[in-house]
N, C-alpha and C. Protein backbone atom coordinates (compact mmCIF):
# COMPACT_ATOMS: atom_id res chain seq x y z
N MET A 1 8.37 14.50 -18.64
CA MET A 1 9.80 14.20 -18.58
C MET A 1 10.01 12.71 -18.78
N GLU A 2 10.88 12.34 -19.73
CA GLU A 2 11.17 10.93 -19.96
C GLU A 2 11.97 10.38 -18.79
N ARG A 3 11.65 9.17 -18.41
CA ARG A 3 12.41 8.55 -17.33
C ARG A 3 13.71 8.00 -17.88
N GLU A 4 14.68 7.86 -17.02
CA GLU A 4 15.95 7.28 -17.41
C GLU A 4 15.78 5.77 -17.50
N MET A 5 16.49 5.16 -18.44
CA MET A 5 16.46 3.71 -18.57
C MET A 5 17.09 3.08 -17.33
N GLU A 6 16.41 2.10 -16.77
CA GLU A 6 16.91 1.43 -15.56
C GLU A 6 16.93 -0.07 -15.81
N SER A 7 17.50 -0.47 -16.95
CA SER A 7 17.44 -1.84 -17.40
C SER A 7 18.08 -2.83 -16.42
N LYS A 8 19.04 -2.34 -15.62
CA LYS A 8 19.72 -3.24 -14.70
C LYS A 8 18.95 -3.40 -13.39
N VAL A 9 17.92 -2.60 -13.22
CA VAL A 9 17.13 -2.64 -11.99
C VAL A 9 15.74 -3.19 -12.29
N PRO A 10 15.37 -4.32 -11.72
CA PRO A 10 14.04 -4.88 -11.99
C PRO A 10 12.94 -3.93 -11.52
N TYR A 11 12.00 -3.67 -12.40
CA TYR A 11 10.87 -2.82 -12.03
C TYR A 11 9.90 -3.57 -11.12
N ILE A 12 9.37 -2.87 -10.15
CA ILE A 12 8.28 -3.40 -9.32
C ILE A 12 6.99 -2.77 -9.81
N PHE A 13 6.06 -3.61 -10.25
CA PHE A 13 4.76 -3.15 -10.73
C PHE A 13 3.71 -3.41 -9.66
N LYS A 14 2.79 -2.46 -9.52
CA LYS A 14 1.59 -2.67 -8.72
C LYS A 14 0.40 -2.32 -9.59
N LEU A 15 -0.59 -3.19 -9.58
CA LEU A 15 -1.79 -2.99 -10.39
C LEU A 15 -2.93 -2.50 -9.52
N ILE A 16 -3.69 -1.56 -10.04
CA ILE A 16 -4.85 -1.01 -9.33
C ILE A 16 -6.08 -1.21 -10.20
N ILE A 17 -7.01 -2.00 -9.70
CA ILE A 17 -8.25 -2.28 -10.42
C ILE A 17 -9.33 -1.33 -9.92
N LEU A 18 -9.88 -0.53 -10.82
CA LEU A 18 -10.90 0.45 -10.46
C LEU A 18 -12.28 -0.18 -10.66
N ALA A 19 -12.93 -0.51 -9.54
CA ALA A 19 -14.18 -1.26 -9.61
C ALA A 19 -15.20 -0.74 -8.60
N ALA A 20 -15.24 0.58 -8.43
CA ALA A 20 -16.14 1.16 -7.43
C ALA A 20 -17.28 1.96 -8.04
N GLY A 21 -17.38 1.96 -9.36
CA GLY A 21 -18.43 2.74 -10.01
C GLY A 21 -19.83 2.26 -9.64
N LYS A 22 -20.82 3.14 -9.77
CA LYS A 22 -22.19 2.82 -9.36
C LYS A 22 -23.03 2.21 -10.48
N SER A 23 -22.45 2.06 -11.67
CA SER A 23 -23.14 1.45 -12.82
C SER A 23 -24.47 2.14 -13.13
N THR A 24 -24.50 3.45 -12.99
CA THR A 24 -25.74 4.21 -13.18
C THR A 24 -26.33 3.99 -14.57
N ARG A 25 -25.50 4.06 -15.59
CA ARG A 25 -25.99 3.92 -16.97
C ARG A 25 -26.42 2.49 -17.27
N PHE A 26 -25.88 1.53 -16.56
CA PHE A 26 -26.22 0.12 -16.80
C PHE A 26 -27.57 -0.24 -16.18
N GLY A 27 -27.93 0.45 -15.10
CA GLY A 27 -29.22 0.20 -14.46
C GLY A 27 -29.17 -0.77 -13.30
N GLU A 28 -28.07 -1.49 -13.15
CA GLU A 28 -27.83 -2.39 -12.03
C GLU A 28 -26.33 -2.60 -11.94
N ASN A 29 -25.89 -3.30 -10.92
CA ASN A 29 -24.45 -3.47 -10.74
C ASN A 29 -23.89 -4.38 -11.83
N LYS A 30 -23.24 -3.78 -12.83
CA LYS A 30 -22.75 -4.55 -13.98
C LYS A 30 -21.64 -5.53 -13.60
N LEU A 31 -20.90 -5.21 -12.55
CA LEU A 31 -19.78 -6.08 -12.17
C LEU A 31 -20.25 -7.39 -11.54
N LEU A 32 -21.50 -7.42 -11.08
CA LEU A 32 -22.07 -8.65 -10.52
C LEU A 32 -22.92 -9.39 -11.55
N GLN A 33 -22.93 -8.89 -12.78
CA GLN A 33 -23.64 -9.56 -13.86
C GLN A 33 -23.02 -10.93 -14.10
N SER A 34 -23.87 -11.94 -14.23
CA SER A 34 -23.38 -13.29 -14.47
C SER A 34 -22.69 -13.39 -15.81
N TYR A 35 -21.55 -14.08 -15.81
CA TYR A 35 -20.83 -14.32 -17.07
C TYR A 35 -20.13 -15.67 -16.96
N GLY A 36 -20.54 -16.60 -17.82
CA GLY A 36 -20.01 -17.95 -17.73
C GLY A 36 -20.36 -18.56 -16.39
N ARG A 37 -19.37 -19.06 -15.69
CA ARG A 37 -19.59 -19.65 -14.37
C ARG A 37 -19.29 -18.67 -13.25
N SER A 38 -19.08 -17.41 -13.62
CA SER A 38 -18.70 -16.42 -12.62
C SER A 38 -19.49 -15.14 -12.87
N THR A 39 -18.88 -14.03 -12.52
CA THR A 39 -19.45 -12.70 -12.76
C THR A 39 -18.42 -11.88 -13.52
N VAL A 40 -18.80 -10.68 -13.92
CA VAL A 40 -17.86 -9.81 -14.62
C VAL A 40 -16.63 -9.55 -13.76
N ILE A 41 -16.83 -9.15 -12.50
CA ILE A 41 -15.71 -8.87 -11.62
C ILE A 41 -14.95 -10.15 -11.29
N GLY A 42 -15.66 -11.25 -11.15
CA GLY A 42 -15.02 -12.53 -10.86
C GLY A 42 -14.09 -12.97 -11.96
N CYS A 43 -14.49 -12.74 -13.21
CA CYS A 43 -13.64 -13.11 -14.35
C CYS A 43 -12.34 -12.33 -14.34
N LEU A 44 -12.43 -11.02 -14.05
CA LEU A 44 -11.22 -10.21 -14.02
C LEU A 44 -10.30 -10.64 -12.89
N ILE A 45 -10.86 -10.87 -11.71
CA ILE A 45 -10.04 -11.28 -10.58
C ILE A 45 -9.31 -12.58 -10.88
N GLN A 46 -10.01 -13.52 -11.51
CA GLN A 46 -9.38 -14.78 -11.87
C GLN A 46 -8.20 -14.57 -12.82
N LYS A 47 -8.38 -13.70 -13.80
CA LYS A 47 -7.30 -13.40 -14.75
C LYS A 47 -6.11 -12.75 -14.04
N ILE A 48 -6.40 -11.78 -13.18
CA ILE A 48 -5.32 -11.05 -12.52
C ILE A 48 -4.57 -11.95 -11.54
N GLU A 49 -5.29 -12.84 -10.87
CA GLU A 49 -4.61 -13.78 -9.97
C GLU A 49 -3.66 -14.68 -10.74
N GLU A 50 -4.10 -15.14 -11.91
CA GLU A 50 -3.24 -15.97 -12.75
C GLU A 50 -2.04 -15.18 -13.25
N LEU A 51 -2.28 -13.94 -13.65
CA LEU A 51 -1.20 -13.09 -14.14
C LEU A 51 -0.18 -12.83 -13.04
N ALA A 52 -0.65 -12.57 -11.83
CA ALA A 52 0.25 -12.27 -10.71
C ALA A 52 1.14 -13.47 -10.38
N GLN A 53 0.62 -14.68 -10.60
CA GLN A 53 1.43 -15.87 -10.38
C GLN A 53 2.47 -16.04 -11.49
N ARG A 54 2.10 -15.63 -12.69
CA ARG A 54 2.97 -15.77 -13.86
C ARG A 54 4.06 -14.69 -13.88
N GLU A 55 3.72 -13.48 -13.47
CA GLU A 55 4.62 -12.32 -13.58
C GLU A 55 5.14 -11.93 -12.20
N SER A 56 6.38 -12.28 -11.92
CA SER A 56 6.94 -12.07 -10.57
C SER A 56 7.11 -10.59 -10.22
N ARG A 57 7.18 -9.72 -11.24
CA ARG A 57 7.38 -8.31 -10.95
C ARG A 57 6.10 -7.60 -10.51
N ILE A 58 4.98 -8.27 -10.57
CA ILE A 58 3.76 -7.71 -10.00
C ILE A 58 3.79 -8.02 -8.50
N GLU A 59 4.09 -7.02 -7.73
CA GLU A 59 4.26 -7.22 -6.30
C GLU A 59 2.93 -7.22 -5.56
N GLN A 60 1.96 -6.46 -6.08
CA GLN A 60 0.70 -6.32 -5.37
C GLN A 60 -0.40 -5.87 -6.34
N VAL A 61 -1.61 -6.26 -6.03
CA VAL A 61 -2.79 -5.82 -6.79
C VAL A 61 -3.78 -5.21 -5.81
N ILE A 62 -4.23 -4.01 -6.11
CA ILE A 62 -5.22 -3.33 -5.26
C ILE A 62 -6.55 -3.33 -6.00
N LEU A 63 -7.57 -3.88 -5.39
CA LEU A 63 -8.92 -3.86 -5.94
C LEU A 63 -9.73 -2.82 -5.18
N VAL A 64 -10.03 -1.71 -5.83
CA VAL A 64 -10.82 -0.65 -5.20
C VAL A 64 -12.27 -0.83 -5.64
N THR A 65 -13.14 -1.10 -4.68
CA THR A 65 -14.52 -1.39 -5.03
C THR A 65 -15.47 -0.76 -4.02
N ASN A 66 -16.77 -0.90 -4.29
CA ASN A 66 -17.77 -0.35 -3.36
C ASN A 66 -18.38 -1.47 -2.52
N GLU A 67 -19.18 -1.09 -1.57
CA GLU A 67 -19.71 -2.06 -0.61
C GLU A 67 -20.59 -3.11 -1.27
N THR A 68 -21.41 -2.69 -2.24
CA THR A 68 -22.29 -3.63 -2.91
C THR A 68 -21.52 -4.68 -3.69
N THR A 69 -20.55 -4.22 -4.47
CA THR A 69 -19.74 -5.15 -5.26
C THR A 69 -18.93 -6.06 -4.37
N LEU A 70 -18.42 -5.52 -3.27
CA LEU A 70 -17.60 -6.29 -2.34
C LEU A 70 -18.33 -7.54 -1.83
N LYS A 71 -19.64 -7.40 -1.63
CA LYS A 71 -20.44 -8.55 -1.13
C LYS A 71 -20.45 -9.71 -2.13
N GLY A 72 -20.21 -9.38 -3.41
CA GLY A 72 -20.24 -10.43 -4.42
C GLY A 72 -18.87 -10.91 -4.84
N VAL A 73 -17.82 -10.42 -4.17
CA VAL A 73 -16.45 -10.81 -4.51
C VAL A 73 -16.02 -11.96 -3.61
N LYS A 74 -15.58 -13.05 -4.22
CA LYS A 74 -15.08 -14.19 -3.46
C LYS A 74 -13.69 -13.86 -2.91
N PRO A 75 -13.26 -14.59 -1.88
CA PRO A 75 -11.92 -14.33 -1.33
C PRO A 75 -10.85 -14.35 -2.42
N CYS A 76 -9.96 -13.37 -2.37
CA CYS A 76 -8.93 -13.21 -3.40
C CYS A 76 -7.61 -13.82 -2.95
N GLY A 77 -6.71 -13.97 -3.92
CA GLY A 77 -5.38 -14.49 -3.63
C GLY A 77 -4.59 -13.54 -2.75
N LYS A 78 -3.44 -14.03 -2.26
CA LYS A 78 -2.66 -13.27 -1.28
C LYS A 78 -2.07 -11.98 -1.83
N LYS A 79 -1.93 -11.87 -3.17
CA LYS A 79 -1.36 -10.65 -3.75
C LYS A 79 -2.42 -9.56 -3.94
N ILE A 80 -3.69 -9.91 -3.78
CA ILE A 80 -4.77 -8.95 -4.03
C ILE A 80 -5.29 -8.38 -2.71
N GLN A 81 -5.20 -7.08 -2.59
CA GLN A 81 -5.73 -6.38 -1.42
C GLN A 81 -6.99 -5.62 -1.82
N VAL A 82 -8.06 -5.84 -1.09
CA VAL A 82 -9.33 -5.18 -1.39
C VAL A 82 -9.44 -3.91 -0.57
N VAL A 83 -9.74 -2.80 -1.25
CA VAL A 83 -9.92 -1.50 -0.60
C VAL A 83 -11.32 -1.00 -0.88
N LEU A 84 -12.03 -0.65 0.16
CA LEU A 84 -13.41 -0.17 0.02
C LEU A 84 -13.44 1.33 -0.24
N ASN A 85 -14.16 1.73 -1.27
CA ASN A 85 -14.40 3.14 -1.53
C ASN A 85 -15.80 3.46 -0.98
N PRO A 86 -15.88 4.15 0.15
CA PRO A 86 -17.19 4.41 0.77
C PRO A 86 -17.99 5.50 0.08
N VAL A 87 -17.34 6.26 -0.81
CA VAL A 87 -18.02 7.37 -1.47
C VAL A 87 -17.79 7.29 -3.00
N PRO A 88 -18.29 6.25 -3.65
CA PRO A 88 -18.07 6.11 -5.10
C PRO A 88 -18.66 7.26 -5.90
N GLU A 89 -19.62 7.97 -5.30
CA GLU A 89 -20.25 9.10 -5.99
C GLU A 89 -19.25 10.25 -6.21
N GLU A 90 -18.13 10.22 -5.53
CA GLU A 90 -17.12 11.26 -5.74
C GLU A 90 -16.34 11.07 -7.03
N GLY A 91 -16.59 9.96 -7.72
CA GLY A 91 -15.97 9.76 -9.02
C GLY A 91 -14.73 8.89 -8.99
N ILE A 92 -14.24 8.59 -10.18
CA ILE A 92 -13.12 7.66 -10.32
C ILE A 92 -11.85 8.21 -9.69
N SER A 93 -11.73 9.52 -9.60
CA SER A 93 -10.52 10.12 -9.02
C SER A 93 -10.30 9.66 -7.58
N HIS A 94 -11.39 9.48 -6.84
CA HIS A 94 -11.23 9.06 -5.45
C HIS A 94 -10.76 7.61 -5.37
N SER A 95 -11.22 6.79 -6.30
CA SER A 95 -10.74 5.40 -6.34
C SER A 95 -9.26 5.36 -6.69
N ILE A 96 -8.83 6.22 -7.59
CA ILE A 96 -7.41 6.30 -7.95
C ILE A 96 -6.59 6.69 -6.71
N PHE A 97 -7.09 7.69 -5.98
CA PHE A 97 -6.40 8.14 -4.77
C PHE A 97 -6.29 7.00 -3.75
N LEU A 98 -7.40 6.33 -3.49
CA LEU A 98 -7.41 5.23 -2.51
C LEU A 98 -6.49 4.10 -2.94
N GLY A 99 -6.50 3.80 -4.23
CA GLY A 99 -5.65 2.73 -4.73
C GLY A 99 -4.17 3.05 -4.57
N LEU A 100 -3.78 4.27 -4.88
CA LEU A 100 -2.39 4.67 -4.74
C LEU A 100 -1.96 4.72 -3.28
N GLU A 101 -2.85 5.20 -2.41
CA GLU A 101 -2.54 5.25 -0.99
C GLU A 101 -2.32 3.84 -0.44
N ALA A 102 -3.15 2.91 -0.87
CA ALA A 102 -3.02 1.54 -0.38
C ALA A 102 -1.80 0.83 -0.98
N ALA A 103 -1.46 1.19 -2.20
CA ALA A 103 -0.35 0.52 -2.88
C ALA A 103 1.01 0.87 -2.30
N GLY A 104 1.16 2.09 -1.79
CA GLY A 104 2.46 2.49 -1.29
C GLY A 104 3.47 2.63 -2.42
N GLU A 105 4.73 2.40 -2.13
CA GLU A 105 5.78 2.65 -3.10
C GLU A 105 5.86 1.54 -4.16
N ALA A 106 6.14 1.97 -5.38
CA ALA A 106 6.37 1.05 -6.50
C ALA A 106 7.10 1.83 -7.58
N ASP A 107 7.61 1.13 -8.56
CA ASP A 107 8.23 1.80 -9.70
C ASP A 107 7.18 2.21 -10.72
N VAL A 108 6.21 1.32 -10.93
CA VAL A 108 5.20 1.54 -11.96
C VAL A 108 3.84 1.12 -11.42
N TYR A 109 2.82 1.93 -11.74
CA TYR A 109 1.45 1.62 -11.35
C TYR A 109 0.61 1.40 -12.61
N GLY A 110 -0.04 0.24 -12.67
CA GLY A 110 -0.89 -0.07 -13.81
C GLY A 110 -2.35 0.01 -13.41
N PHE A 111 -3.16 0.77 -14.15
CA PHE A 111 -4.58 0.94 -13.84
C PHE A 111 -5.43 0.15 -14.83
N LEU A 112 -6.36 -0.61 -14.27
CA LEU A 112 -7.30 -1.38 -15.06
C LEU A 112 -8.71 -1.06 -14.60
N VAL A 113 -9.67 -1.20 -15.51
CA VAL A 113 -11.08 -1.12 -15.12
C VAL A 113 -11.64 -2.54 -15.14
N ALA A 114 -12.72 -2.74 -14.42
CA ALA A 114 -13.20 -4.10 -14.17
C ALA A 114 -14.18 -4.62 -15.20
N ASP A 115 -14.58 -3.80 -16.17
CA ASP A 115 -15.64 -4.24 -17.08
C ASP A 115 -15.14 -4.46 -18.52
N GLN A 116 -13.84 -4.75 -18.67
CA GLN A 116 -13.32 -5.12 -19.99
C GLN A 116 -13.18 -6.64 -20.03
N LEU A 117 -14.29 -7.31 -20.29
CA LEU A 117 -14.32 -8.77 -20.20
C LEU A 117 -13.37 -9.45 -21.17
N ALA A 118 -13.13 -8.83 -22.31
CA ALA A 118 -12.31 -9.49 -23.33
C ALA A 118 -10.81 -9.23 -23.16
N LEU A 119 -10.44 -8.38 -22.21
CA LEU A 119 -9.03 -8.09 -22.00
C LEU A 119 -8.32 -9.36 -21.55
N SER A 120 -7.24 -9.71 -22.23
CA SER A 120 -6.57 -10.98 -21.97
C SER A 120 -5.35 -10.82 -21.07
N ILE A 121 -5.00 -11.91 -20.41
CA ILE A 121 -3.78 -11.95 -19.61
C ILE A 121 -2.58 -11.66 -20.48
N ASP A 122 -2.56 -12.24 -21.67
CA ASP A 122 -1.42 -12.06 -22.57
C ASP A 122 -1.20 -10.60 -22.93
N THR A 123 -2.29 -9.87 -23.12
CA THR A 123 -2.18 -8.45 -23.46
C THR A 123 -1.59 -7.66 -22.30
N ILE A 124 -2.08 -7.90 -21.10
CA ILE A 124 -1.55 -7.18 -19.93
C ILE A 124 -0.07 -7.48 -19.74
N GLN A 125 0.29 -8.76 -19.87
CA GLN A 125 1.69 -9.12 -19.69
C GLN A 125 2.56 -8.52 -20.79
N ALA A 126 2.04 -8.48 -22.02
CA ALA A 126 2.79 -7.88 -23.12
C ALA A 126 3.03 -6.40 -22.87
N MET A 127 2.05 -5.73 -22.25
CA MET A 127 2.23 -4.32 -21.92
C MET A 127 3.29 -4.13 -20.86
N ILE A 128 3.32 -5.02 -19.89
CA ILE A 128 4.36 -4.96 -18.86
C ILE A 128 5.74 -5.14 -19.50
N GLU A 129 5.85 -6.10 -20.41
CA GLU A 129 7.12 -6.32 -21.09
C GLU A 129 7.52 -5.09 -21.92
N ARG A 130 6.54 -4.46 -22.58
CA ARG A 130 6.84 -3.27 -23.36
C ARG A 130 7.32 -2.14 -22.45
N TYR A 131 6.66 -1.99 -21.31
CA TYR A 131 7.05 -0.90 -20.41
C TYR A 131 8.50 -1.04 -19.96
N LYS A 132 8.95 -2.25 -19.78
CA LYS A 132 10.30 -2.49 -19.30
C LYS A 132 11.36 -1.92 -20.24
N VAL A 133 11.04 -1.81 -21.51
CA VAL A 133 12.05 -1.41 -22.50
C VAL A 133 11.80 -0.02 -23.09
N THR A 134 10.68 0.60 -22.77
CA THR A 134 10.43 1.94 -23.30
C THR A 134 11.09 2.99 -22.42
N GLU A 135 11.44 4.11 -23.02
CA GLU A 135 12.04 5.22 -22.25
C GLU A 135 10.97 6.19 -21.75
N LYS A 136 9.73 5.95 -22.11
CA LYS A 136 8.66 6.85 -21.72
C LYS A 136 8.09 6.46 -20.35
N GLY A 137 7.43 7.43 -19.71
CA GLY A 137 6.90 7.19 -18.38
C GLY A 137 5.47 6.70 -18.34
N ILE A 138 4.75 6.80 -19.47
CA ILE A 138 3.35 6.39 -19.53
C ILE A 138 3.16 5.43 -20.71
N LEU A 139 2.46 4.35 -20.47
CA LEU A 139 2.14 3.39 -21.53
C LEU A 139 0.64 3.18 -21.54
N CYS A 140 0.01 3.39 -22.69
CA CYS A 140 -1.45 3.36 -22.79
C CYS A 140 -1.89 2.43 -23.91
N ALA A 141 -2.89 1.60 -23.62
CA ALA A 141 -3.47 0.72 -24.64
C ALA A 141 -4.29 1.55 -25.62
N LYS A 142 -4.26 1.16 -26.90
CA LYS A 142 -5.06 1.84 -27.89
C LYS A 142 -5.39 0.89 -29.03
N LYS A 143 -6.44 1.24 -29.75
CA LYS A 143 -6.79 0.56 -30.99
C LYS A 143 -7.15 1.64 -31.99
N GLY A 144 -6.30 1.83 -33.00
CA GLY A 144 -6.52 2.93 -33.91
C GLY A 144 -6.40 4.25 -33.18
N GLU A 145 -7.44 5.07 -33.27
CA GLU A 145 -7.45 6.37 -32.58
C GLU A 145 -8.06 6.29 -31.19
N ASN A 146 -8.55 5.13 -30.80
CA ASN A 146 -9.25 4.98 -29.53
C ASN A 146 -8.29 4.56 -28.42
N LEU A 147 -8.17 5.41 -27.40
CA LEU A 147 -7.36 5.09 -26.24
C LEU A 147 -8.19 4.32 -25.23
N GLY A 148 -7.55 3.44 -24.48
CA GLY A 148 -8.29 2.66 -23.49
C GLY A 148 -7.41 2.25 -22.33
N ASN A 149 -7.84 1.26 -21.62
CA ASN A 149 -7.10 0.71 -20.48
C ASN A 149 -6.62 -0.70 -20.83
N PRO A 150 -5.54 -1.13 -20.20
CA PRO A 150 -4.80 -0.56 -19.08
C PRO A 150 -3.93 0.65 -19.48
N VAL A 151 -3.56 1.41 -18.43
CA VAL A 151 -2.59 2.50 -18.56
C VAL A 151 -1.58 2.34 -17.43
N PHE A 152 -0.31 2.44 -17.78
CA PHE A 152 0.77 2.31 -16.80
C PHE A 152 1.46 3.65 -16.62
N PHE A 153 1.68 4.02 -15.35
CA PHE A 153 2.32 5.29 -15.02
C PHE A 153 3.58 5.05 -14.18
N HIS A 154 4.65 5.73 -14.55
CA HIS A 154 5.85 5.75 -13.72
C HIS A 154 5.52 6.46 -12.41
N HIS A 155 6.25 6.12 -11.36
CA HIS A 155 5.93 6.68 -10.03
C HIS A 155 6.07 8.20 -9.98
N GLN A 156 6.76 8.81 -10.95
CA GLN A 156 6.89 10.26 -10.95
C GLN A 156 5.55 10.97 -11.10
N TYR A 157 4.51 10.23 -11.54
CA TYR A 157 3.19 10.84 -11.76
C TYR A 157 2.21 10.61 -10.60
N VAL A 158 2.69 10.00 -9.54
CA VAL A 158 1.78 9.67 -8.43
C VAL A 158 1.09 10.90 -7.85
N GLU A 159 1.84 11.95 -7.58
CA GLU A 159 1.24 13.12 -6.94
C GLU A 159 0.21 13.78 -7.85
N GLU A 160 0.47 13.83 -9.14
CA GLU A 160 -0.52 14.38 -10.07
C GLU A 160 -1.78 13.53 -10.09
N LEU A 161 -1.60 12.22 -10.08
CA LEU A 161 -2.75 11.32 -10.09
C LEU A 161 -3.59 11.49 -8.82
N LYS A 162 -2.94 11.69 -7.71
CA LYS A 162 -3.65 11.85 -6.44
C LYS A 162 -4.45 13.15 -6.38
N LYS A 163 -4.06 14.12 -7.19
CA LYS A 163 -4.73 15.41 -7.16
C LYS A 163 -5.93 15.50 -8.12
N LEU A 164 -6.20 14.44 -8.85
CA LEU A 164 -7.37 14.44 -9.74
C LEU A 164 -8.64 14.64 -8.94
N GLN A 165 -9.63 15.26 -9.55
CA GLN A 165 -10.89 15.56 -8.88
C GLN A 165 -12.07 15.03 -9.69
N GLY A 166 -13.13 14.67 -8.96
CA GLY A 166 -14.37 14.27 -9.61
C GLY A 166 -14.22 13.02 -10.45
N ASP A 167 -14.92 12.99 -11.58
CA ASP A 167 -14.91 11.80 -12.42
C ASP A 167 -13.85 11.91 -13.52
N LYS A 168 -12.71 12.45 -13.16
CA LYS A 168 -11.59 12.59 -14.08
C LYS A 168 -10.55 11.53 -13.76
N GLY A 169 -10.17 10.76 -14.78
CA GLY A 169 -9.22 9.70 -14.57
C GLY A 169 -7.82 10.02 -15.08
N GLY A 170 -7.02 8.98 -15.20
CA GLY A 170 -5.62 9.14 -15.57
C GLY A 170 -5.38 9.71 -16.95
N LYS A 171 -6.40 9.64 -17.84
CA LYS A 171 -6.22 10.20 -19.18
C LYS A 171 -5.94 11.70 -19.13
N VAL A 172 -6.41 12.37 -18.08
CA VAL A 172 -6.13 13.80 -17.91
C VAL A 172 -4.62 14.02 -17.78
N ILE A 173 -3.96 13.18 -17.00
CA ILE A 173 -2.52 13.28 -16.82
C ILE A 173 -1.80 12.91 -18.12
N LEU A 174 -2.29 11.88 -18.77
CA LEU A 174 -1.69 11.44 -20.04
C LEU A 174 -1.69 12.57 -21.05
N LYS A 175 -2.81 13.28 -21.18
CA LYS A 175 -2.92 14.34 -22.18
C LYS A 175 -2.05 15.54 -21.85
N LYS A 176 -1.69 15.69 -20.59
CA LYS A 176 -0.79 16.78 -20.20
C LYS A 176 0.66 16.46 -20.52
N HIS A 177 0.94 15.18 -20.75
CA HIS A 177 2.33 14.74 -20.93
C HIS A 177 2.46 13.86 -22.16
N LEU A 178 1.91 14.31 -23.26
CA LEU A 178 1.91 13.49 -24.48
C LEU A 178 3.32 13.15 -24.96
N GLU A 179 4.27 14.01 -24.64
CA GLU A 179 5.65 13.74 -25.05
C GLU A 179 6.26 12.56 -24.31
N ASP A 180 5.59 12.13 -23.24
CA ASP A 180 6.12 11.05 -22.40
C ASP A 180 5.24 9.80 -22.48
N VAL A 181 4.50 9.66 -23.58
CA VAL A 181 3.55 8.55 -23.72
C VAL A 181 3.99 7.61 -24.83
N THR A 182 3.94 6.32 -24.54
CA THR A 182 4.06 5.27 -25.55
C THR A 182 2.71 4.59 -25.65
N TYR A 183 2.31 4.25 -26.87
CA TYR A 183 1.02 3.59 -27.09
C TYR A 183 1.24 2.12 -27.44
N PHE A 184 0.40 1.29 -26.86
CA PHE A 184 0.45 -0.15 -27.13
C PHE A 184 -0.76 -0.51 -27.97
N GLU A 185 -0.52 -0.88 -29.22
CA GLU A 185 -1.61 -1.17 -30.15
C GLU A 185 -2.21 -2.56 -29.86
N ILE A 186 -3.50 -2.57 -29.54
CA ILE A 186 -4.23 -3.81 -29.27
C ILE A 186 -4.67 -4.45 -30.60
N GLU A 187 -4.47 -5.74 -30.74
CA GLU A 187 -4.86 -6.41 -31.98
C GLU A 187 -6.38 -6.53 -32.11
N ASP A 188 -7.03 -6.88 -31.02
CA ASP A 188 -8.47 -7.15 -31.04
C ASP A 188 -9.21 -6.00 -30.34
N ALA A 189 -10.00 -5.25 -31.08
CA ALA A 189 -10.71 -4.09 -30.52
C ALA A 189 -11.64 -4.47 -29.37
N ARG A 190 -12.10 -5.71 -29.34
CA ARG A 190 -13.01 -6.15 -28.26
C ARG A 190 -12.36 -6.01 -26.89
N GLU A 191 -11.03 -6.10 -26.85
CA GLU A 191 -10.35 -6.06 -25.55
C GLU A 191 -10.51 -4.71 -24.86
N LEU A 192 -10.76 -3.67 -25.62
CA LEU A 192 -10.92 -2.34 -25.04
C LEU A 192 -12.38 -1.97 -24.78
N GLN A 193 -13.29 -2.87 -25.08
CA GLN A 193 -14.72 -2.56 -24.97
C GLN A 193 -15.18 -2.52 -23.52
N ASP A 194 -15.71 -1.37 -23.10
CA ASP A 194 -16.33 -1.24 -21.78
C ASP A 194 -17.80 -1.65 -21.86
N LEU A 195 -18.33 -2.06 -20.74
CA LEU A 195 -19.74 -2.45 -20.67
C LEU A 195 -20.49 -1.42 -19.84
N ASP A 196 -20.73 -0.25 -20.41
CA ASP A 196 -21.34 0.85 -19.66
C ASP A 196 -22.86 0.79 -19.63
N THR A 197 -23.46 0.18 -20.67
CA THR A 197 -24.91 0.14 -20.77
C THR A 197 -25.38 -1.28 -21.11
N LYS A 198 -26.69 -1.49 -20.99
CA LYS A 198 -27.26 -2.80 -21.37
C LYS A 198 -27.05 -3.04 -22.87
N GLU A 199 -27.06 -1.97 -23.65
CA GLU A 199 -26.81 -2.09 -25.08
C GLU A 199 -25.39 -2.58 -25.33
N ASP A 200 -24.44 -2.09 -24.54
CA ASP A 200 -23.05 -2.56 -24.66
C ASP A 200 -22.97 -4.05 -24.35
N TRP A 201 -23.71 -4.46 -23.34
CA TRP A 201 -23.71 -5.87 -22.93
C TRP A 201 -24.29 -6.75 -24.04
N THR A 202 -25.40 -6.32 -24.61
CA THR A 202 -26.03 -7.08 -25.69
C THR A 202 -25.10 -7.18 -26.89
N TYR A 203 -24.45 -6.07 -27.21
CA TYR A 203 -23.51 -6.05 -28.34
C TYR A 203 -22.33 -6.98 -28.06
N PHE A 204 -21.83 -6.94 -26.83
CA PHE A 204 -20.70 -7.78 -26.45
C PHE A 204 -21.06 -9.26 -26.61
N GLU A 205 -22.22 -9.65 -26.11
CA GLU A 205 -22.64 -11.04 -26.20
C GLU A 205 -22.80 -11.48 -27.65
N LYS A 206 -23.37 -10.60 -28.47
CA LYS A 206 -23.57 -10.91 -29.87
C LYS A 206 -22.23 -11.06 -30.60
N GLU A 207 -21.32 -10.13 -30.32
CA GLU A 207 -20.01 -10.15 -30.98
C GLU A 207 -19.23 -11.41 -30.64
N ASN A 208 -19.43 -11.91 -29.42
CA ASN A 208 -18.63 -13.03 -28.95
C ASN A 208 -19.37 -14.36 -28.97
N GLU A 209 -20.53 -14.35 -29.57
CA GLU A 209 -21.34 -15.57 -29.64
C GLU A 209 -20.59 -16.69 -30.35
N ASN A 210 -19.90 -16.31 -31.43
CA ASN A 210 -19.18 -17.30 -32.22
C ASN A 210 -17.67 -17.07 -32.19
N ALA A 211 -17.22 -16.30 -31.20
CA ALA A 211 -15.78 -16.03 -31.10
C ALA A 211 -15.33 -16.34 -29.68
N SER A 212 -14.15 -16.88 -29.55
CA SER A 212 -13.62 -17.22 -28.21
C SER A 212 -12.95 -16.01 -27.63
N ILE A 213 -13.11 -15.84 -26.31
CA ILE A 213 -12.45 -14.76 -25.57
C ILE A 213 -11.12 -15.30 -25.06
N LYS A 214 -10.03 -14.62 -25.38
CA LYS A 214 -8.73 -15.05 -24.90
C LYS A 214 -8.66 -14.85 -23.40
N ARG A 215 -7.92 -15.73 -22.76
CA ARG A 215 -7.67 -15.58 -21.34
C ARG A 215 -6.52 -14.62 -21.14
């Protein structure tokens, strides 16, 4: 169902960062992998903190992570609330549930994953601006035929998101409501690249050896 335009009412956005995975395919905790002067998770937190300062409609950021990753996370800004997922083996659906429970009420929930190193602040903010003017309830990043993150959901989808099971994420809800989806075309395919394996990491480093990563 398409949402009604609410242009006169400022939207309240809450972002949920899904960072509780066990990195099984990577062989070690990929989010604690060193990158520049920080770590993979540290780079994302720095970007999101800057974005939250820039974008007043982001009321809160929920970082859902596991105990191991939490030990490597430096203290976050006041808008970022850290939520521990004690059972990451239950899959991403449980992190989504915990994130939504911690977030409470909002107009729009934006989901991000923590291992998209090339995802820029400008892209996230551009998606927020796009969501403000679209009549659809779901906004999803894509490059060509490849769908990725971030994905933004209107609050009408909260209960469906909470009912997800196992390692099934928000794309399940998106595919059930294709008539209510707007796609945001990413210019640089690197921004959607996940780092699931050591091969992905090697490819990422090679691709960006002579290219700058946007903030």
